[in-house]
Amino acid sequence: MNEQKYLTVSALNKYLAYKINNDKHLSELAVLGELSNVKTSKNHLYFVLKDDSSEINCIMFSSNKNTLKFFPIDGMKVIITGNVSVYEPRGTYNIIVSQMLEYGRGALYQAFLELKDKLQKEGLFDSKYKKIIPNYSENIGVITSETGEAFNDIKITISKRFPLAKIYLYPSLVQGTEAAKSLISSVKKANIDKLCDVIIIGRGGGSQEDLSCFNDEELARTIFNSKIPIVSGVGHEGDYTITDFVSDKRAATPTAAAMLITPEKDALLNLIQNKKYTINNYIKRKINDLEFKYSSLANNHYLKNYNLIIDDKIKDLTNLVNNLHKLSPINKINNSFDKLLNINNRLNILKLDQKIDLFLLNVDSKNIALHNSINKLIEYNSTKIDNIIERLIIINPLNLMKKGYTLVYQDNILIKSINNLNKHKDIEVKFVDGSVNAMIKNLERNKP
C-alpha cells in the first residue's frame, strides 16, 4: 500500500458531506416511520425515526417545531419532510426535519388543523361567547338529514326523555360538496323563524371525508353568530369537527346531543315529587307555627281578661272626655273673646285716639323746631369753615413760595435754623415749581 495515497478522517467526512448535501435525491425527501426517543432541548425537537429494521436520527428546530398541529409522542407513525445532513465531527448523518404529519391524516386533516388554529386565535371557541343551554327546552330544532338515522335516534331519545318537547326539523344535506351551504341555510332559517329554544346540528358517523362539511369556515362563523344556542352532535365519540368547537356545547353523538338538552322523564318526576314533598313539609311547618302562635295568644293574660280590661279602658276614656270638655279649646276661645271685649271697653274710656292725635301734633311741632335749629347750625358752621379756609389760603406755604420764598431740606428734614445745618452734607432747595441739590461752601450766621 502506497503511504502517499490516503485521506484524513476529516477529509473523508467533508467529502461525504459534500456528496450528500449536493444529492438532489436527499433534499426535501419524505420519509415514513415510527417516532422513538422523542425529547425536547432548548425548544428543538430530537427523535429517532424507525421501521422494523432500521432507524435514523432526526432534528426539528424550534422555528419548524412551533408550527406543529399535534404533540409528537413515542410510537406515533408520521411522515416527515427534510434534508439529509452529515455531522462531520462524528461522521454521523441525520435528517433536518422541516415538516411532520401524522400518518393517515392527509390533506383534509391538515386543513382541519389550520382552520381550527385560525378560528381559535380569533376567539370563536372562547367559553365567554358560549350561550347557555336551557335546562328545559320545549321547542327543539334539529338540523340534519331528513332520512338519516341521526334524526330518528334524536326523535326517539327526546320522546322517551321529555315527551312535552316539540321538534322542528330543518332538513339539510350532511355529506357532499353542497352540504355546507345547506347546513348554513338551515341555521339561518332557524334563527329567522325564532321557534326554537335550542338547536341540534349533526349526523351519524362517517369517514373524515364524509364529515368534512362540518369543517367549513363559513358554517363555523354562522354557528358562532347564531342567536339560538346550538349543540353539536357529529359522528361518533372519537370524531371531532370545527362545528364541535364553535358550537355552544359538544355531544359525542346525535343521541348524546338529544340527551344533553332534555331532562330525563323519571328524573324529572322524582324532582317534582321531591319539590312536592318539600312544599308539603314547608306548609306543615307554617301551620304548626301558626297553631303555636294562636295557642300562645289564646292563653295570654290580656286576652283572658279581655272584658275587664275593656271596662277599665272605657272608664279611662270617660275621664279623658270630661277633662277635654274642661280644657276645651272652644271654651278657652270664648273666655279670650270676653277678655278682649273688656279690654276694648277700657280703652274706649281712656280715649286713646284723641291722646294719640295730640301727641302726633306735638311731635310735628317739635320736628319743625328741630329742623330750623339744624339749618341755623349748618349755616353758622358753613360761615366758620369758609373763614378758616381763607386763613389757610393766606398762610399756605405754596402761596409764599410763589413770591420767591424757598424751603431748605437736609437729610429729608426741613431746616428752620442755620444752626441745624451740617456744612459737610448737601442740601435740597425746594421752589414752588421744582427743587435743586446744592453744596454748602460757607455758613454765615447773623450777628446778634
Protein backbone atom coordinates (compact mmCIF):
# COMPACT_ATOMS: atom_id res chain seq x y z
CA MET A 1 0.00 0.00 0.00
CA ASN A 2 1.36 3.42 -1.04
CA GLU A 3 1.64 5.62 2.01
CA GLN A 4 1.31 8.71 -0.18
CA LYS A 5 -2.31 7.79 -1.19
CA TYR A 6 -4.59 8.27 1.83
CA LEU A 7 -7.35 10.57 3.19
CA THR A 8 -7.68 12.05 6.63
CA VAL A 9 -10.84 11.32 8.60
CA SER A 10 -11.88 14.98 8.33
CA ALA A 11 -11.29 14.94 4.56
CA LEU A 12 -13.41 11.82 4.19
CA ASN A 13 -16.25 13.29 6.25
CA LYS A 14 -16.08 16.53 4.28
CA TYR A 15 -16.29 14.56 1.04
CA LEU A 16 -19.28 12.55 2.28
CA ALA A 17 -20.99 15.75 3.49
CA TYR A 18 -20.39 17.35 0.09
CA LYS A 19 -21.81 14.35 -1.77
CA ILE A 20 -24.89 14.09 0.47
CA ASN A 21 -25.59 17.82 0.56
CA ASN A 22 -25.48 18.01 -3.21
CA ASP A 23 -27.54 14.91 -3.90
CA LYS A 24 -30.99 16.12 -5.04
CA HIS A 25 -32.49 12.77 -4.03
CA LEU A 26 -31.58 13.51 -0.39
CA SER A 27 -33.09 17.00 -0.40
CA GLU A 28 -36.74 17.64 0.56
CA LEU A 29 -37.41 13.94 0.77
CA ALA A 30 -40.44 12.46 2.57
CA VAL A 31 -39.87 9.53 4.92
CA LEU A 32 -42.45 7.33 6.68
CA GLY A 33 -41.56 5.90 10.08
CA GLU A 34 -42.35 5.49 13.75
CA LEU A 35 -41.27 8.04 16.38
CA SER A 36 -38.95 6.86 19.13
CA ASN A 37 -36.95 8.51 21.93
CA VAL A 38 -38.76 11.86 21.43
CA LYS A 39 -37.30 14.67 23.54
CA THR A 40 -37.03 18.46 23.53
CA SER A 41 -33.95 20.53 24.29
CA LYS A 42 -33.83 24.34 24.05
CA ASN A 43 -37.19 24.12 22.24
CA HIS A 44 -35.64 21.95 19.48
CA LEU A 45 -37.19 18.50 18.89
CA TYR A 46 -34.86 15.47 18.79
CA PHE A 47 -36.14 11.98 17.91
CA VAL A 48 -35.38 8.71 16.15
CA LEU A 49 -37.40 7.66 13.10
CA LYS A 50 -37.50 3.88 12.69
CA ASP A 51 -39.18 0.98 10.98
CA ASP A 52 -38.90 -2.77 11.55
CA SER A 53 -35.22 -2.99 10.56
CA SER A 54 -33.61 0.48 10.56
CA GLU A 55 -33.55 3.81 12.29
CA ILE A 56 -32.18 7.32 11.69
CA ASN A 57 -31.65 10.33 13.99
CA CYS A 58 -33.71 13.43 13.27
CA ILE A 59 -33.70 17.05 14.41
CA MET A 60 -36.56 19.56 14.10
CA PHE A 61 -35.51 23.09 15.02
CA SER A 62 -37.81 25.31 17.06
CA SER A 63 -38.92 27.51 14.13
CA ASN A 64 -40.44 24.43 12.45
CA LYS A 65 -41.45 22.69 15.69
CA ASN A 66 -43.69 25.61 16.66
CA THR A 67 -45.80 25.03 13.52
CA LEU A 68 -46.84 21.51 14.56
CA LYS A 69 -50.59 20.98 14.98
CA PHE A 70 -50.15 17.92 17.22
CA PHE A 71 -47.85 16.72 20.00
CA PRO A 72 -45.37 14.05 18.83
CA ILE A 73 -45.02 11.04 21.15
CA ASP A 74 -43.17 7.73 21.03
CA GLY A 75 -44.88 5.10 18.88
CA MET A 76 -46.70 7.61 16.66
CA LYS A 77 -46.46 6.96 12.90
CA VAL A 78 -45.54 10.09 10.95
CA ILE A 79 -44.38 11.30 7.55
CA ILE A 80 -41.50 13.75 7.81
CA THR A 81 -40.11 16.07 5.15
CA GLY A 82 -36.50 17.29 5.31
CA ASN A 83 -32.88 17.12 4.15
CA VAL A 84 -30.22 14.53 4.99
CA SER A 85 -27.27 16.22 6.69
CA VAL A 86 -23.81 14.97 7.79
CA TYR A 87 -22.38 15.88 11.19
CA GLU A 88 -18.72 15.99 10.22
CA PRO A 89 -17.03 15.90 13.68
CA ARG A 90 -18.53 12.46 14.38
CA GLY A 91 -19.09 11.18 10.89
CA THR A 92 -22.80 10.64 11.52
CA TYR A 93 -25.77 11.68 9.46
CA ASN A 94 -29.33 12.65 10.34
CA ILE A 95 -32.38 14.30 8.86
CA ILE A 96 -33.06 18.01 9.43
CA VAL A 97 -36.89 17.96 9.53
CA SER A 98 -38.91 20.89 8.18
CA GLN A 99 -42.42 19.35 8.34
CA MET A 100 -44.17 16.48 10.14
CA LEU A 101 -47.63 15.00 9.53
CA GLU A 102 -49.46 12.24 11.35
CA TYR A 103 -49.61 9.25 9.02
CA GLY A 104 -53.08 8.55 7.63
CA ARG A 105 -54.48 12.05 8.31
CA GLY A 106 -53.64 13.58 4.95
CA ALA A 107 -54.60 16.94 3.45
CA LEU A 108 -58.12 17.07 4.91
CA TYR A 109 -56.80 16.70 8.43
CA GLN A 110 -54.10 19.29 7.78
CA ALA A 111 -56.74 21.74 6.51
CA PHE A 112 -58.84 20.97 9.60
CA LEU A 113 -55.91 21.75 11.90
CA GLU A 114 -55.10 25.01 10.10
CA LEU A 115 -58.72 26.22 10.22
CA LYS A 116 -59.02 25.18 13.88
CA ASP A 117 -55.88 27.16 14.72
CA LYS A 118 -57.13 30.22 12.79
CA LEU A 119 -60.59 30.31 14.39
CA GLN A 120 -59.18 29.63 17.83
CA LYS A 121 -56.84 32.62 17.53
CA GLU A 122 -59.84 34.77 16.50
CA GLY A 123 -61.63 33.72 19.71
CA LEU A 124 -64.55 31.79 18.12
CA PHE A 125 -64.03 28.91 20.55
CA ASP A 126 -63.77 31.04 23.71
CA SER A 127 -66.04 29.96 26.56
CA LYS A 128 -67.07 33.58 27.21
CA TYR A 129 -69.06 33.53 23.94
CA LYS A 130 -70.84 30.23 24.67
CA LYS A 131 -74.60 30.63 25.13
CA ILE A 132 -76.35 28.85 28.00
CA ILE A 133 -78.27 25.69 27.08
CA PRO A 134 -81.78 25.81 28.67
CA ASN A 135 -82.49 23.17 31.31
CA TYR A 136 -85.96 22.51 29.91
CA SER A 137 -86.37 23.06 26.17
CA GLU A 138 -89.94 22.61 24.93
CA ASN A 139 -89.09 23.66 21.36
CA ILE A 140 -86.10 21.86 19.86
CA GLY A 141 -84.70 22.48 16.39
CA VAL A 142 -82.84 19.69 14.57
CA ILE A 143 -80.56 20.34 11.60
CA THR A 144 -79.71 17.05 9.90
CA SER A 145 -80.77 14.75 7.07
CA GLU A 146 -84.49 14.04 7.00
CA THR A 147 -83.87 10.42 6.01
CA GLY A 148 -80.80 9.68 8.14
CA GLU A 149 -80.62 7.52 11.22
CA ALA A 150 -79.45 10.53 13.25
CA PHE A 151 -82.86 12.24 13.11
CA ASN A 152 -84.65 9.03 14.01
CA ASP A 153 -82.35 8.49 17.02
CA ILE A 154 -82.90 12.10 18.17
CA LYS A 155 -86.70 11.81 17.91
CA ILE A 156 -86.81 8.53 19.85
CA THR A 157 -84.50 9.86 22.57
CA ILE A 158 -86.46 13.10 23.05
CA SER A 159 -89.85 11.36 23.07
CA LYS A 160 -88.65 8.92 25.76
CA ARG A 161 -86.94 11.50 27.94
CA PHE A 162 -89.11 14.59 27.55
CA PRO A 163 -92.30 13.95 25.54
CA LEU A 164 -93.51 17.51 26.18
CA ALA A 165 -90.91 18.84 23.72
CA LYS A 166 -91.87 19.82 20.18
CA ILE A 167 -89.34 19.07 17.43
CA TYR A 168 -88.76 21.35 14.42
CA LEU A 169 -86.78 19.65 11.65
CA TYR A 170 -84.69 21.78 9.29
CA PRO A 171 -83.72 19.15 6.68
CA SER A 172 -80.19 19.54 5.36
CA LEU A 173 -77.56 17.76 3.36
CA VAL A 174 -74.89 16.34 5.67
CA GLN A 175 -72.46 15.00 3.10
CA GLY A 176 -71.05 16.16 -0.22
CA THR A 177 -69.94 19.43 -1.82
CA GLU A 178 -73.27 21.24 -1.25
CA ALA A 179 -73.72 20.08 2.32
CA ALA A 180 -72.01 23.06 3.98
CA LYS A 181 -74.25 25.56 2.13
CA SER A 182 -77.33 23.53 3.07
CA LEU A 183 -76.33 23.48 6.75
CA ILE A 184 -75.66 27.25 6.72
CA SER A 185 -79.08 27.90 5.18
CA SER A 186 -80.81 25.80 7.87
CA VAL A 187 -79.03 27.60 10.74
CA LYS A 188 -80.03 30.98 9.32
CA LYS A 189 -83.66 29.89 8.75
CA ALA A 190 -83.97 28.59 12.32
CA ASN A 191 -82.76 31.97 13.59
CA ILE A 192 -85.25 33.81 11.37
CA ASP A 193 -88.18 31.58 12.47
CA LYS A 194 -87.37 32.04 16.19
CA LEU A 195 -89.39 28.92 17.05
CA CYS A 196 -86.68 27.02 18.93
CA ASP A 197 -85.16 27.25 22.40
CA VAL A 198 -82.13 25.23 21.28
CA ILE A 199 -80.80 23.60 18.08
CA ILE A 200 -79.09 20.25 17.49
CA ILE A 201 -76.83 20.11 14.43
CA GLY A 202 -75.22 16.84 13.37
CA ARG A 203 -75.23 13.49 11.68
CA GLY A 204 -74.12 9.91 12.34
CA GLY A 205 -70.61 8.57 11.98
CA GLY A 206 -68.55 8.51 8.81
CA SER A 207 -65.13 8.92 7.30
CA GLN A 208 -63.11 12.12 7.51
CA GLU A 209 -64.29 12.97 4.00
CA ASP A 210 -67.93 12.34 4.98
CA LEU A 211 -67.67 14.75 7.92
CA SER A 212 -65.69 17.41 6.07
CA CYS A 213 -68.75 19.65 5.51
CA PHE A 214 -68.78 20.25 9.29
CA ASN A 215 -65.27 21.71 8.97
CA ASP A 216 -66.43 24.59 6.75
CA GLU A 217 -65.28 28.07 7.81
CA GLU A 218 -68.47 29.88 6.75
CA LEU A 219 -70.59 27.31 8.64
CA ALA A 220 -68.43 27.88 11.73
CA ARG A 221 -68.98 31.65 11.59
CA THR A 222 -72.74 31.17 11.02
CA ILE A 223 -72.98 28.95 14.12
CA PHE A 224 -70.94 31.47 16.13
CA ASN A 225 -73.35 34.29 15.13
CA SER A 226 -76.50 32.26 15.91
CA LYS A 227 -78.78 33.88 18.48
CA ILE A 228 -80.14 30.44 19.44
CA PRO A 229 -77.89 28.06 21.44
CA ILE A 230 -76.52 25.24 19.26
CA VAL A 231 -75.45 21.75 20.38
CA SER A 232 -73.18 19.78 18.05
CA GLY A 233 -73.67 16.02 17.70
CA VAL A 234 -71.49 14.96 14.78
CA GLY A 235 -70.19 11.43 14.21
CA HIS A 236 -69.03 9.08 16.96
CA GLU A 237 -67.13 9.52 20.22
CA GLY A 238 -63.69 9.94 18.62
CA ASP A 239 -64.78 12.29 15.81
CA TYR A 240 -64.06 15.98 16.17
CA THR A 241 -65.04 18.73 13.73
CA ILE A 242 -64.85 22.52 13.68
CA THR A 243 -68.59 22.53 14.39
CA ASP A 244 -67.90 20.79 17.73
CA PHE A 245 -65.52 23.56 18.83
CA VAL A 246 -67.60 26.56 17.73
CA SER A 247 -70.97 25.27 18.99
CA ASP A 248 -72.18 26.22 22.45
CA LYS A 249 -71.96 22.58 23.56
CA ARG A 250 -70.48 19.41 22.05
CA ALA A 251 -72.01 15.94 22.33
CA ALA A 252 -70.29 12.76 21.16
CA THR A 253 -73.24 11.58 19.04
CA PRO A 254 -76.66 12.84 17.89
CA THR A 255 -78.27 10.67 20.59
CA ALA A 256 -75.97 12.16 23.22
CA ALA A 257 -76.94 15.65 21.99
CA ALA A 258 -80.65 14.82 22.47
CA MET A 259 -79.91 13.54 25.97
CA LEU A 260 -77.85 16.64 26.80
CA ILE A 261 -80.69 19.12 26.09
CA THR A 262 -83.58 17.16 27.62
CA PRO A 263 -84.26 16.20 31.22
CA GLU A 264 -84.89 12.50 31.85
CA LYS A 265 -88.60 11.91 32.41
CA ASP A 266 -88.23 9.73 35.51
CA ALA A 267 -85.63 12.04 37.00
CA LEU A 268 -87.98 14.98 36.33
CA LEU A 269 -90.86 13.16 38.03
CA ASN A 270 -88.61 12.41 41.00
CA LEU A 271 -87.64 16.07 41.11
CA ILE A 272 -91.33 17.08 41.07
CA GLN A 273 -92.07 14.60 43.84
CA ASN A 274 -89.18 15.96 45.91
CA LYS A 275 -90.38 19.53 45.36
CA LYS A 276 -93.91 18.48 46.30
CA TYR A 277 -92.60 16.79 49.46
CA THR A 278 -90.55 19.90 50.31
CA ILE A 279 -93.56 22.19 49.79
CA ASN A 280 -95.85 19.97 51.88
CA ASN A 281 -93.32 19.93 54.69
CA TYR A 282 -92.98 23.69 54.50
CA ILE A 283 -96.77 24.15 54.67
CA LYS A 284 -97.00 21.77 57.64
CA ARG A 285 -94.30 23.69 59.48
CA LYS A 286 -96.08 27.00 58.79
CA ILE A 287 -99.38 25.56 60.06
CA ASN A 288 -97.68 24.26 63.22
CA ASP A 289 -96.04 27.65 63.76
CA LEU A 290 -99.40 29.43 63.36
CA GLU A 291 -101.13 26.99 65.73
CA PHE A 292 -98.43 27.60 68.32
CA LYS A 293 -98.83 31.36 67.96
CA TYR A 294 -102.61 31.05 68.27
CA SER A 295 -102.24 28.94 71.41
CA SER A 296 -99.84 31.49 72.89
CA LEU A 297 -102.25 34.32 72.15
CA ALA A 298 -105.25 32.43 73.46
CA ASN A 299 -103.51 31.86 76.80
CA ASN A 300 -102.28 35.42 77.03
CA HIS A 301 -103.31 37.31 80.26
CA TYR A 302 -104.78 40.22 78.32
CA LEU A 303 -106.95 38.05 76.13
CA LYS A 304 -108.23 36.03 79.07
CA ASN A 305 -109.27 39.22 80.98
CA TYR A 306 -110.42 40.99 77.85
CA ASN A 307 -113.80 42.27 79.23
CA LEU A 308 -112.31 43.64 82.44
CA ILE A 309 -109.55 45.39 80.53
CA ILE A 310 -112.13 46.92 78.12
CA ASP A 311 -114.23 48.24 81.08
CA ASP A 312 -111.13 49.88 82.57
CA LYS A 313 -110.32 51.45 79.24
CA ILE A 314 -113.90 52.80 78.91
CA LYS A 315 -113.61 54.44 82.34
CA ASP A 316 -110.29 55.97 81.35
CA LEU A 317 -111.87 57.25 78.14
CA THR A 318 -114.81 58.82 80.02
CA ASN A 319 -112.45 60.64 82.35
CA LEU A 320 -110.45 61.82 79.43
CA VAL A 321 -113.57 63.18 77.65
CA ASN A 322 -114.59 65.12 80.79
CA ASN A 323 -111.09 66.59 81.07
CA LEU A 324 -111.23 67.56 77.44
CA HIS A 325 -114.53 69.39 77.99
CA LYS A 326 -112.97 71.31 80.82
CA LEU A 327 -109.92 72.15 78.77
CA SER A 328 -111.90 72.55 75.56
CA PRO A 329 -110.26 74.98 73.09
CA ILE A 330 -113.70 76.43 72.34
CA ASN A 331 -114.15 77.34 75.96
CA LYS A 332 -110.72 78.91 76.01
CA ILE A 333 -111.52 80.90 72.85
CA ASN A 334 -114.80 82.17 74.31
CA ASN A 335 -113.04 83.25 77.50
CA SER A 336 -110.42 85.06 75.43
CA PHE A 337 -113.09 86.90 73.48
CA ASP A 338 -114.68 88.08 76.74
CA LYS A 339 -111.35 89.36 77.97
CA LEU A 340 -110.79 91.14 74.66
CA LEU A 341 -114.17 92.92 74.84
CA ASN A 342 -113.40 94.04 78.39
CA ILE A 343 -110.05 95.48 77.33
CA ASN A 344 -111.65 97.24 74.36
CA ASN A 345 -114.22 98.91 76.61
CA ARG A 346 -111.50 100.13 78.93
CA LEU A 347 -109.60 101.57 76.01
CA ASN A 348 -112.66 103.48 74.81
CA ILE A 349 -112.98 105.09 78.24
CA LEU A 350 -109.36 106.27 78.07
CA LYS A 351 -109.99 107.99 74.66
CA LEU A 352 -106.61 106.90 73.37
CA ASP A 353 -107.39 108.09 69.81
CA GLN A 354 -107.61 111.72 70.94
CA LYS A 355 -104.48 111.41 73.05
CA ILE A 356 -102.59 109.91 70.13
CA ASP A 357 -103.70 112.75 67.82
CA LEU A 358 -102.49 115.37 70.32
CA PHE A 359 -99.23 113.53 70.73
CA LEU A 360 -98.72 113.47 66.92
CA LEU A 361 -99.37 117.25 66.70
CA ASN A 362 -96.77 117.81 69.42
CA VAL A 363 -94.30 115.60 67.54
CA ASP A 364 -94.85 117.59 64.31
CA SER A 365 -94.26 120.90 66.14
CA LYS A 366 -91.07 119.63 67.72
CA ASN A 367 -89.91 118.24 64.37
CA ILE A 368 -90.28 121.68 62.71
CA ALA A 369 -88.42 123.40 65.55
CA LEU A 370 -85.61 120.83 65.36
CA HIS A 371 -85.34 121.27 61.58
CA ASN A 372 -85.00 125.04 61.92
CA SER A 373 -82.32 124.69 64.62
CA ILE A 374 -80.29 122.28 62.46
CA ASN A 375 -80.45 124.64 59.44
CA LYS A 376 -79.19 127.58 61.55
CA LEU A 377 -76.37 125.46 62.96
CA ILE A 378 -75.38 124.35 59.43
CA GLU A 379 -75.30 127.99 58.19
CA TYR A 380 -73.17 129.07 61.17
CA ASN A 381 -70.67 126.26 60.69
CA SER A 382 -70.51 126.85 56.92
CA THR A 383 -69.56 130.51 57.51
CA LYS A 384 -66.99 129.47 60.10
CA ILE A 385 -65.44 126.91 57.70
CA ASP A 386 -65.23 129.47 54.89
CA ASN A 387 -63.31 131.85 57.20
CA ILE A 388 -60.89 129.10 58.19
CA ILE A 389 -60.29 128.20 54.52
CA GLU A 390 -59.50 131.87 53.69
CA ARG A 391 -56.98 131.97 56.55
CA LEU A 392 -55.40 128.70 55.41
CA ILE A 393 -55.06 130.08 51.88
CA ILE A 394 -53.29 133.19 53.23
CA ILE A 395 -50.79 131.17 55.27
CA ASN A 396 -50.35 128.42 52.64
CA PRO A 397 -46.55 127.95 52.11
CA LEU A 398 -47.10 127.47 48.39
CA ASN A 399 -48.51 130.96 48.08
CA LEU A 400 -45.47 132.31 49.93
CA MET A 401 -43.15 130.28 47.68
CA LYS A 402 -44.80 131.83 44.59
CA LYS A 403 -43.49 135.17 45.91
CA GLY A 404 -39.93 133.81 45.86
CA TYR A 405 -39.65 132.01 49.18
CA THR A 406 -37.94 128.58 49.25
CA LEU A 407 -37.66 125.61 51.65
CA VAL A 408 -34.33 124.01 52.57
CA TYR A 409 -34.00 120.31 53.45
CA GLN A 410 -31.05 118.29 54.62
CA ASP A 411 -31.42 114.53 55.08
CA ASN A 412 -35.13 114.99 54.23
CA ILE A 413 -35.54 117.25 57.29
CA LEU A 414 -36.83 120.83 56.92
CA ILE A 415 -34.13 123.22 58.15
CA LYS A 416 -35.54 126.07 60.25
CA SER A 417 -32.23 127.47 61.57
CA ILE A 418 -28.69 127.75 60.25
CA ASN A 419 -27.62 126.04 63.43
CA ASN A 420 -29.30 122.86 62.23
CA LEU A 421 -27.14 122.61 59.10
CA ASN A 422 -24.20 120.24 58.63
CA LYS A 423 -21.91 122.03 56.16
CA HIS A 424 -20.35 118.76 55.08
CA LYS A 425 -23.64 117.45 53.63
CA ASP A 426 -25.62 118.55 50.59
CA ILE A 427 -28.86 120.39 50.90
CA GLU A 428 -32.06 120.34 48.81
CA VAL A 429 -33.69 123.67 47.99
CA LYS A 430 -37.35 123.43 47.00
CA PHE A 431 -39.05 126.06 44.86
CA VAL A 432 -42.72 126.24 44.05
CA ASP A 433 -42.08 124.61 40.67
CA GLY A 434 -39.15 122.26 41.43
CA SER A 435 -36.04 121.59 43.59
CA VAL A 436 -32.24 121.96 43.47
CA ASN A 437 -29.48 119.95 45.17
CA ALA A 438 -26.62 122.19 46.38
CA MET A 439 -23.33 122.10 48.31
CA ILE A 440 -22.64 124.36 51.29
CA LYS A 441 -19.48 126.45 50.74
CA ASN A 442 -19.79 128.69 53.76
CA LEU A 443 -22.04 129.28 56.73
CA GLU A 444 -22.63 132.88 57.85
CA ARG A 445 -24.71 133.43 60.91
CA ASN A 446 -26.42 136.78 61.65
CA LYS A 447 -24.65 138.92 64.16
CA PRO A 448 -26.55 139.33 67.43
